[in-house]
PDB file of N, CA and C in Angstrom:
ATOM      1  N   UNK A   1      -2.004   8.009  12.342  1.00  0.00           N
ATOM      2  CA  UNK A   1      -0.825   8.652  11.820  1.00  0.00           C
ATOM      3  C   UNK A   1      -1.147   9.210  10.442  1.00  0.00           C
ATOM      4  N   UNK A   2      -0.336  10.137   9.970  1.00  0.00           N
ATOM      5  CA  UNK A   2      -0.561  10.721   8.642  1.00  0.00           C
ATOM      6  C   UNK A   2       0.120   9.871   7.570  1.00  0.00           C
ATOM      7  N   UNK A   3      -0.149  10.199   6.299  1.00  0.00           N
ATOM      8  CA  UNK A   3       0.377   9.390   5.201  1.00  0.00           C
ATOM      9  C   UNK A   3       1.900   9.436   5.134  1.00  0.00           C
ATOM     10  N   UNK A   4       2.497  10.552   5.496  1.00  0.00           N
ATOM     11  CA  UNK A   4       3.954  10.651   5.468  1.00  0.00           C
ATOM     12  C   UNK A   4       4.585   9.613   6.388  1.00  0.00           C
ATOM     13  N   UNK A   5       4.059   9.477   7.585  1.00  0.00           N
ATOM     14  CA  UNK A   5       4.560   8.469   8.520  1.00  0.00           C
ATOM     15  C   UNK A   5       4.250   7.063   8.014  1.00  0.00           C
ATOM     16  N   UNK A   6       3.066   6.883   7.446  1.00  0.00           N
ATOM     17  CA  UNK A   6       2.678   5.583   6.893  1.00  0.00           C
ATOM     18  C   UNK A   6       3.610   5.193   5.755  1.00  0.00           C
ATOM     19  N   UNK A   7       3.984   6.151   4.912  1.00  0.00           N
ATOM     20  CA  UNK A   7       4.879   5.873   3.790  1.00  0.00           C
ATOM     21  C   UNK A   7       6.242   5.381   4.289  1.00  0.00           C
ATOM     22  N   UNK A   8       6.727   5.967   5.359  1.00  0.00           N
ATOM     23  CA  UNK A   8       7.980   5.501   5.938  1.00  0.00           C
ATOM     24  C   UNK A   8       7.894   4.041   6.361  1.00  0.00           C
ATOM     25  N   UNK A   9       6.770   3.648   6.955  1.00  0.00           N
ATOM     26  CA  UNK A   9       6.592   2.258   7.367  1.00  0.00           C
ATOM     27  C   UNK A   9       6.403   1.343   6.159  1.00  0.00           C
ATOM     28  N   UNK A  10       5.716   1.842   5.124  1.00  0.00           N
ATOM     29  CA  UNK A  10       5.573   1.067   3.887  1.00  0.00           C
ATOM     30  C   UNK A  10       6.947   0.758   3.302  1.00  0.00           C
ATOM     31  N   UNK A  11       7.835   1.739   3.329  1.00  0.00           N
ATOM     32  CA  UNK A  11       9.198   1.541   2.809  1.00  0.00           C
ATOM     33  C   UNK A  11       9.976   0.518   3.635  1.00  0.00           C
ATOM     34  N   UNK A  12       9.574   0.319   4.881  1.00  0.00           N
ATOM     35  CA  UNK A  12      10.203  -0.686   5.746  1.00  0.00           C
ATOM     36  C   UNK A  12       9.515  -2.051   5.648  1.00  0.00           C
ATOM     37  N   UNK A  13       8.579  -2.189   4.699  1.00  0.00           N
ATOM     38  CA  UNK A  13       7.932  -3.478   4.479  1.00  0.00           C
ATOM     39  C   UNK A  13       6.659  -3.714   5.255  1.00  0.00           C
ATOM     40  N   UNK A  14       6.137  -2.695   5.921  1.00  0.00           N
ATOM     41  CA  UNK A  14       4.902  -2.862   6.690  1.00  0.00           C
ATOM     42  C   UNK A  14       3.676  -2.728   5.783  1.00  0.00           C
ATOM     43  N   UNK A  15       2.557  -3.265   6.232  1.00  0.00           N
ATOM     44  CA  UNK A  15       1.272  -3.106   5.557  1.00  0.00           C
ATOM     45  C   UNK A  15       0.467  -2.064   6.327  1.00  0.00           C
ATOM     46  N   UNK A  16      -0.158  -1.162   5.591  1.00  0.00           N
ATOM     47  CA  UNK A  16      -0.879  -0.055   6.214  1.00  0.00           C
ATOM     48  C   UNK A  16      -2.343  -0.066   5.791  1.00  0.00           C
ATOM     49  N   UNK A  17      -3.197   0.412   6.670  1.00  0.00           N
ATOM     50  CA  UNK A  17      -4.630   0.538   6.396  1.00  0.00           C
ATOM     51  C   UNK A  17      -5.134   1.818   7.050  1.00  0.00           C
ATOM     52  N   UNK A  18      -6.395   2.136   6.780  1.00  0.00           N
ATOM     53  CA  UNK A  18      -7.019   3.312   7.400  1.00  0.00           C
ATOM     54  C   UNK A  18      -8.170   2.874   8.276  1.00  0.00           C
ATOM     55  N   UNK A  19      -8.331   3.518   9.426  1.00  0.00           N
ATOM     56  CA  UNK A  19      -9.433   3.210  10.334  1.00  0.00           C
ATOM     57  C   UNK A  19     -10.783   3.530   9.694  1.00  0.00           C
ATOM     58  N   UNK A  20     -10.832   4.489   8.770  1.00  0.00           N
ATOM     59  CA  UNK A  20     -12.115   4.889   8.173  1.00  0.00           C
ATOM     60  C   UNK A  20     -12.603   3.927   7.095  1.00  0.00           C
ATOM     61  N   UNK A  21     -11.763   2.971   6.669  1.00  0.00           N
ATOM     62  CA  UNK A  21     -12.226   1.994   5.680  1.00  0.00           C
ATOM     63  C   UNK A  21     -13.270   1.104   6.325  1.00  0.00           C
ATOM     64  N   UNK A  22     -14.424   1.009   5.689  1.00  0.00           N
ATOM     65  CA  UNK A  22     -15.563   0.288   6.270  1.00  0.00           C
ATOM     66  C   UNK A  22     -15.323  -1.215   6.307  1.00  0.00           C
ATOM     67  N   UNK A  23     -14.848  -1.789   5.201  1.00  0.00           N
ATOM     68  CA  UNK A  23     -14.593  -3.228   5.156  1.00  0.00           C
ATOM     69  C   UNK A  23     -13.234  -3.540   5.762  1.00  0.00           C
ATOM     70  N   UNK A  24     -13.188  -4.552   6.588  1.00  0.00           N
ATOM     71  CA  UNK A  24     -11.897  -4.986   7.129  1.00  0.00           C
ATOM     72  C   UNK A  24     -11.183  -5.831   6.089  1.00  0.00           C
ATOM     73  N   UNK A  25      -9.897  -6.016   6.250  1.00  0.00           N
ATOM     74  CA  UNK A  25      -9.114  -6.839   5.353  1.00  0.00           C
ATOM     75  C   UNK A  25      -8.416  -6.072   4.242  1.00  0.00           C
ATOM     76  N   UNK A  26      -8.701  -4.789   4.105  1.00  0.00           N
ATOM     77  CA  UNK A  26      -8.042  -3.970   3.079  1.00  0.00           C
ATOM     78  C   UNK A  26      -6.701  -3.472   3.617  1.00  0.00           C
ATOM     79  N   UNK A  27      -5.714  -3.389   2.752  1.00  0.00           N
ATOM     80  CA  UNK A  27      -4.441  -2.790   3.157  1.00  0.00           C
ATOM     81  C   UNK A  27      -3.625  -2.397   1.941  1.00  0.00           C
ATOM     82  N   UNK A  28      -2.597  -1.598   2.190  1.00  0.00           N
ATOM     83  CA  UNK A  28      -1.669  -1.132   1.165  1.00  0.00           C
ATOM     84  C   UNK A  28      -0.281  -1.645   1.540  1.00  0.00           C
ATOM     85  N   UNK A  29       0.505  -2.006   0.526  1.00  0.00           N
ATOM     86  CA  UNK A  29       1.896  -2.396   0.770  1.00  0.00           C
ATOM     87  C   UNK A  29       2.752  -1.913  -0.389  1.00  0.00           C
ATOM     88  N   UNK A  30       4.049  -1.869  -0.167  1.00  0.00           N
ATOM     89  CA  UNK A  30       4.982  -1.427  -1.192  1.00  0.00           C
ATOM     90  C   UNK A  30       5.538  -2.642  -1.925  1.00  0.00           C
ATOM     91  N   UNK A  31       5.300  -2.700  -3.214  1.00  0.00           N
ATOM     92  CA  UNK A  31       5.867  -3.755  -4.066  1.00  0.00           C
ATOM     93  C   UNK A  31       7.255  -3.281  -4.488  1.00  0.00           C
ATOM     94  N   UNK A  32       8.306  -4.010  -4.167  1.00  0.00           N
ATOM     95  CA  UNK A  32       9.658  -3.546  -4.508  1.00  0.00           C
ATOM     96  C   UNK A  32       9.938  -3.614  -6.010  1.00  0.00           C
ATOM     97  N   UNK A  33      10.971  -2.927  -6.412  1.00  0.00           N
ATOM     98  CA  UNK A  33      11.416  -2.957  -7.806  1.00  0.00           C
ATOM     99  C   UNK A  33      11.687  -4.400  -8.224  1.00  0.00           C
ATOM    100  N   UNK A  34      11.339  -4.731  -9.463  1.00  0.00           N
ATOM    101  CA  UNK A  34      11.576  -6.080  -9.965  1.00  0.00           C
ATOM    102  C   UNK A  34      11.782  -6.042 -11.473  1.00  0.00           C
ATOM    103  N   UNK A  35      12.184  -7.150 -12.028  1.00  0.00           N
ATOM    104  CA  UNK A  35      12.353  -7.258 -13.477  1.00  0.00           C
ATOM    105  C   UNK A  35      11.036  -7.686 -14.103  1.00  0.00           C
ATOM    106  N   UNK A  36      10.800  -7.254 -15.329  1.00  0.00           N
ATOM    107  CA  UNK A  36       9.624  -7.694 -16.060  1.00  0.00           C
ATOM    108  C   UNK A  36       9.950  -7.786 -17.544  1.00  0.00           C
ATOM    109  N   UNK A  37       9.122  -8.498 -18.253  1.00  0.00           N
ATOM    110  CA  UNK A  37       9.264  -8.650 -19.703  1.00  0.00           C
ATOM    111  C   UNK A  37       8.084  -7.933 -20.356  1.00  0.00           C
ATOM    112  N   UNK A  38       8.372  -7.055 -21.294  1.00  0.00           N
ATOM    113  CA  UNK A  38       7.321  -6.320 -22.003  1.00  0.00           C
ATOM    114  C   UNK A  38       6.671  -7.220 -23.052  1.00  0.00           C
ATOM    115  N   UNK A  39       5.503  -6.822 -23.571  1.00  0.00           N
ATOM    116  CA  UNK A  39       4.847  -7.626 -24.611  1.00  0.00           C
ATOM    117  C   UNK A  39       5.730  -7.843 -25.849  1.00  0.00           C
ATOM    118  N   UNK A  40       6.661  -6.920 -26.113  1.00  0.00           N
ATOM    119  CA  UNK A  40       7.558  -7.117 -27.255  1.00  0.00           C
ATOM    120  C   UNK A  40       8.866  -7.813 -26.847  1.00  0.00           C
ATOM    121  N   UNK A  41       8.811  -8.507 -25.689  1.00  0.00           N
ATOM    122  CA  UNK A  41       9.889  -9.381 -25.218  1.00  0.00           C
ATOM    123  C   UNK A  41      11.171  -8.657 -24.810  1.00  0.00           C
ATOM    124  N   UNK A  42      11.044  -7.447 -24.282  1.00  0.00           N
ATOM    125  CA  UNK A  42      12.200  -6.705 -23.793  1.00  0.00           C
ATOM    126  C   UNK A  42      12.271  -6.800 -22.277  1.00  0.00           C
ATOM    127  N   UNK A  43      13.481  -6.949 -21.752  1.00  0.00           N
ATOM    128  CA  UNK A  43      13.682  -6.924 -20.297  1.00  0.00           C
ATOM    129  C   UNK A  43      13.600  -5.481 -19.818  1.00  0.00           C
ATOM    130  N   UNK A  44      12.781  -5.237 -18.832  1.00  0.00           N
ATOM    131  CA  UNK A  44      12.631  -3.892 -18.266  1.00  0.00           C
ATOM    132  C   UNK A  44      12.587  -3.984 -16.746  1.00  0.00           C
ATOM    133  N   UNK A  45      12.756  -2.838 -16.113  1.00  0.00           N
ATOM    134  CA  UNK A  45      12.620  -2.739 -14.665  1.00  0.00           C
ATOM    135  C   UNK A  45      11.229  -2.230 -14.334  1.00  0.00           C
ATOM    136  N   UNK A  46      10.539  -2.961 -13.492  1.00  0.00           N
ATOM    137  CA  UNK A  46       9.260  -2.510 -12.967  1.00  0.00           C
ATOM    138  C   UNK A  46       9.580  -1.752 -11.683  1.00  0.00           C
ATOM    139  N   UNK A  47       9.346  -0.454 -11.683  1.00  0.00           N
ATOM    140  CA  UNK A  47       9.686   0.387 -10.535  1.00  0.00           C
ATOM    141  C   UNK A  47       8.854   0.000  -9.305  1.00  0.00           C
ATOM    142  N   UNK A  48       9.390   0.273  -8.138  1.00  0.00           N
ATOM    143  CA  UNK A  48       8.647   0.050  -6.899  1.00  0.00           C
ATOM    144  C   UNK A  48       7.360   0.874  -6.941  1.00  0.00           C
ATOM    145  N   UNK A  49       6.294   0.313  -6.380  1.00  0.00           N
ATOM    146  CA  UNK A  49       5.003   1.001  -6.399  1.00  0.00           C
ATOM    147  C   UNK A  49       4.122   0.446  -5.280  1.00  0.00           C
ATOM    148  N   UNK A  50       3.078   1.196  -4.960  1.00  0.00           N
ATOM    149  CA  UNK A  50       2.135   0.748  -3.952  1.00  0.00           C
ATOM    150  C   UNK A  50       1.145  -0.219  -4.568  1.00  0.00           C
ATOM    151  N   UNK A  51       0.753  -1.201  -3.780  1.00  0.00           N
ATOM    152  CA  UNK A  51      -0.298  -2.140  -4.166  1.00  0.00           C
ATOM    153  C   UNK A  51      -1.379  -2.092  -3.092  1.00  0.00           C
ATOM    154  N   UNK A  52      -2.610  -2.307  -3.511  1.00  0.00           N
ATOM    155  CA  UNK A  52      -3.764  -2.289  -2.618  1.00  0.00           C
ATOM    156  C   UNK A  52      -4.429  -3.653  -2.676  1.00  0.00           C
ATOM    157  N   UNK A  53      -4.601  -4.267  -1.510  1.00  0.00           N
ATOM    158  CA  UNK A  53      -5.357  -5.512  -1.450  1.00  0.00           C
ATOM    159  C   UNK A  53      -6.722  -5.214  -0.861  1.00  0.00           C
ATOM    160  N   UNK A  54      -7.754  -5.518  -1.637  1.00  0.00           N
ATOM    161  CA  UNK A  54      -9.124  -5.278  -1.190  1.00  0.00           C
ATOM    162  C   UNK A  54      -9.617  -6.377  -0.265  1.00  0.00           C
ATOM    163  N   UNK A  55     -10.765  -6.145   0.334  1.00  0.00           N
ATOM    164  CA  UNK A  55     -11.333  -7.093   1.286  1.00  0.00           C
ATOM    165  C   UNK A  55     -11.594  -8.452   0.651  1.00  0.00           C
ATOM    166  N   UNK A  56     -11.859  -8.477  -0.661  1.00  0.00           N
ATOM    167  CA  UNK A  56     -12.145  -9.739  -1.346  1.00  0.00           C
ATOM    168  C   UNK A  56     -10.877 -10.460  -1.795  1.00  0.00           C
ATOM    169  N   UNK A  57      -9.708  -9.846  -1.587  1.00  0.00           N
ATOM    170  CA  UNK A  57      -8.442 -10.471  -1.913  1.00  0.00           C
ATOM    171  C   UNK A  57      -7.835 -10.075  -3.243  1.00  0.00           C
ATOM    172  N   UNK A  58      -8.552  -9.293  -4.047  1.00  0.00           N
ATOM    173  CA  UNK A  58      -7.985  -8.838  -5.316  1.00  0.00           C
ATOM    174  C   UNK A  58      -6.915  -7.784  -5.051  1.00  0.00           C
ATOM    175  N   UNK A  59      -5.832  -7.825  -5.825  1.00  0.00           N
ATOM    176  CA  UNK A  59      -4.720  -6.883  -5.666  1.00  0.00           C
ATOM    177  C   UNK A  59      -4.671  -5.981  -6.891  1.00  0.00           C
ATOM    178  N   UNK A  60      -4.476  -4.701  -6.648  1.00  0.00           N
ATOM    179  CA  UNK A  60      -4.362  -3.735  -7.737  1.00  0.00           C
ATOM    180  C   UNK A  60      -3.324  -2.688  -7.373  1.00  0.00           C
ATOM    181  N   UNK A  61      -2.929  -1.893  -8.344  1.00  0.00           N
ATOM    182  CA  UNK A  61      -2.001  -0.800  -8.062  1.00  0.00           C
ATOM    183  C   UNK A  61      -2.684   0.151  -7.090  1.00  0.00           C
ATOM    184  N   UNK A  62      -1.968   0.561  -6.064  1.00  0.00           N
ATOM    185  CA  UNK A  62      -2.520   1.473  -5.066  1.00  0.00           C
ATOM    186  C   UNK A  62      -2.154   2.912  -5.386  1.00  0.00           C
ATOM    187  N   UNK A  63      -3.151   3.730  -5.596  1.00  0.00           N
ATOM    188  CA  UNK A  63      -2.947   5.153  -5.852  1.00  0.00           C
ATOM    189  C   UNK A  63      -3.735   5.912  -4.789  1.00  0.00           C
ATOM    190  N   UNK A  64      -3.046   6.519  -3.831  1.00  0.00           N
ATOM    191  CA  UNK A  64      -3.759   7.209  -2.758  1.00  0.00           C
ATOM    192  C   UNK A  64      -4.613   8.366  -3.300  1.00  0.00           C
ATOM    193  N   UNK A  65      -5.797   8.496  -2.751  1.00  0.00           N
ATOM    194  CA  UNK A  65      -6.660   9.617  -3.092  1.00  0.00           C
ATOM    195  C   UNK A  65      -6.166  10.868  -2.369  1.00  0.00           C
ATOM    196  N   UNK A  66      -6.716  12.010  -2.737  1.00  0.00           N
ATOM    197  CA  UNK A  66      -6.380  13.240  -2.009  1.00  0.00           C
ATOM    198  C   UNK A  66      -6.750  13.084  -0.541  1.00  0.00           C
ATOM    199  N   UNK A  67      -7.919  12.496  -0.285  1.00  0.00           N
ATOM    200  CA  UNK A  67      -8.360  12.295   1.094  1.00  0.00           C
ATOM    201  C   UNK A  67      -7.385  11.388   1.843  1.00  0.00           C
ATOM    202  N   UNK A  68      -6.901  10.329   1.172  1.00  0.00           N
ATOM    203  CA  UNK A  68      -5.956   9.416   1.803  1.00  0.00           C
ATOM    204  C   UNK A  68      -4.627  10.076   2.117  1.00  0.00           C
ATOM    205  N   UNK A  69      -4.174  10.948   1.205  1.00  0.00           N
ATOM    206  CA  UNK A  69      -2.910  11.652   1.433  1.00  0.00           C
ATOM    207  C   UNK A  69      -2.991  12.610   2.612  1.00  0.00           C
ATOM    208  N   UNK A  70      -4.182  13.167   2.850  1.00  0.00           N
ATOM    209  CA  UNK A  70      -4.368  14.140   3.932  1.00  0.00           C
ATOM    210  C   UNK A  70      -4.889  13.518   5.221  1.00  0.00           C
ATOM    211  N   UNK A  71      -5.242  12.243   5.176  1.00  0.00           N
ATOM    212  CA  UNK A  71      -5.841  11.574   6.336  1.00  0.00           C
ATOM    213  C   UNK A  71      -4.851  11.412   7.479  1.00  0.00           C
ATOM    214  N   UNK A  72      -5.391  11.338   8.675  1.00  0.00           N
ATOM    215  CA  UNK A  72      -4.595  11.141   9.893  1.00  0.00           C
ATOM    216  C   UNK A  72      -4.919   9.804  10.560  1.00  0.00           C
ATOM    217  N   UNK A  73      -5.611   8.910   9.821  1.00  0.00           N
ATOM    218  CA  UNK A  73      -6.075   7.654  10.428  1.00  0.00           C
ATOM    219  C   UNK A  73      -5.379   6.401   9.891  1.00  0.00           C
ATOM    220  N   UNK A  74      -4.181   6.553   9.339  1.00  0.00           N
ATOM    221  CA  UNK A  74      -3.415   5.402   8.877  1.00  0.00           C
ATOM    222  C   UNK A  74      -2.884   4.623  10.068  1.00  0.00           C
ATOM    223  N   UNK A  75      -2.820   3.307   9.944  1.00  0.00           N
ATOM    224  CA  UNK A  75      -2.219   2.500  11.008  1.00  0.00           C
ATOM    225  C   UNK A  75      -1.514   1.286  10.412  1.00  0.00           C
ATOM    226  N   UNK A  76      -0.569   0.764  11.148  1.00  0.00           N
ATOM    227  CA  UNK A  76       0.254  -0.375  10.761  1.00  0.00           C
ATOM    228  C   UNK A  76      -0.484  -1.660  11.152  1.00  0.00           C
ATOM    229  N   UNK A  77      -0.988  -2.406  10.162  1.00  0.00           N
ATOM    230  CA  UNK A  77      -1.734  -3.613  10.515  1.00  0.00           C
ATOM    231  C   UNK A  77      -0.819  -4.716  11.029  1.00  0.00           C
ATOM    232  N   UNK A  78       0.468  -4.626  10.767  1.00  0.00           N
ATOM    233  CA  UNK A  78       1.405  -5.631  11.262  1.00  0.00           C
ATOM    234  C   UNK A  78       1.733  -5.420  12.739  1.00  0.00           C
ATOM    235  N   UNK A  79       1.342  -4.283  13.302  1.00  0.00           N
ATOM    236  CA  UNK A  79       1.608  -4.003  14.711  1.00  0.00           C
ATOM    237  C   UNK A  79       0.584  -4.706  15.615  1.00  0.00           C
ATOM    238  N   UNK A  80      -0.495  -5.238  15.012  1.00  0.00           N
ATOM    239  CA  UNK A  80      -1.471  -5.990  15.793  1.00  0.00           C
ATOM    240  C   UNK A  80      -2.537  -5.160  16.466  1.00  0.00           C
ATOM    241  N   UNK A  81      -2.630  -3.876  16.126  1.00  0.00           N
ATOM    242  CA  UNK A  81      -3.692  -3.037  16.689  1.00  0.00           C
ATOM    243  C   UNK A  81      -3.997  -1.936  15.706  1.00  0.00           C
ATOM    244  N   UNK A  82      -5.083  -1.221  15.958  1.00  0.00           N
ATOM    245  CA  UNK A  82      -5.454  -0.112  15.070  1.00  0.00           C
ATOM    246  C   UNK A  82      -4.938   1.217  15.589  1.00  0.00           C
ATOM    247  N   UNK A  83      -4.044   1.165  16.542  1.00  0.00           N
ATOM    248  CA  UNK A  83      -3.428   2.404  17.023  1.00  0.00           C
ATOM    249  C   UNK A  83      -2.283   2.784  16.104  1.00  0.00           C
ATOM    250  N   UNK A  84      -2.191   4.110  15.749  1.00  0.00           N
ATOM    251  CA  UNK A  84      -1.160   4.652  14.876  1.00  0.00           C
ATOM    252  C   UNK A  84       0.121   3.975  14.967  1.00  0.00           C
TER     253      UNK A  84
END
């Protein structure tokens, strides 16, 4: 599936990955909006954003590449198969 369809599933709480990723275990998910405290002790809203979990388990902010945005190989890992 393309990224537009994948984004819709991300918004529904699904985890998405790409078939072209060489290492298994990688995926992207949507982190919902939450509250946070700034270093100067102010309450702020942390906007919803994508997170990427790598094969080694480290989590970072997920920023799709141009190739990822144009790719047609996204799939829902929660569906139990690598089919779109």
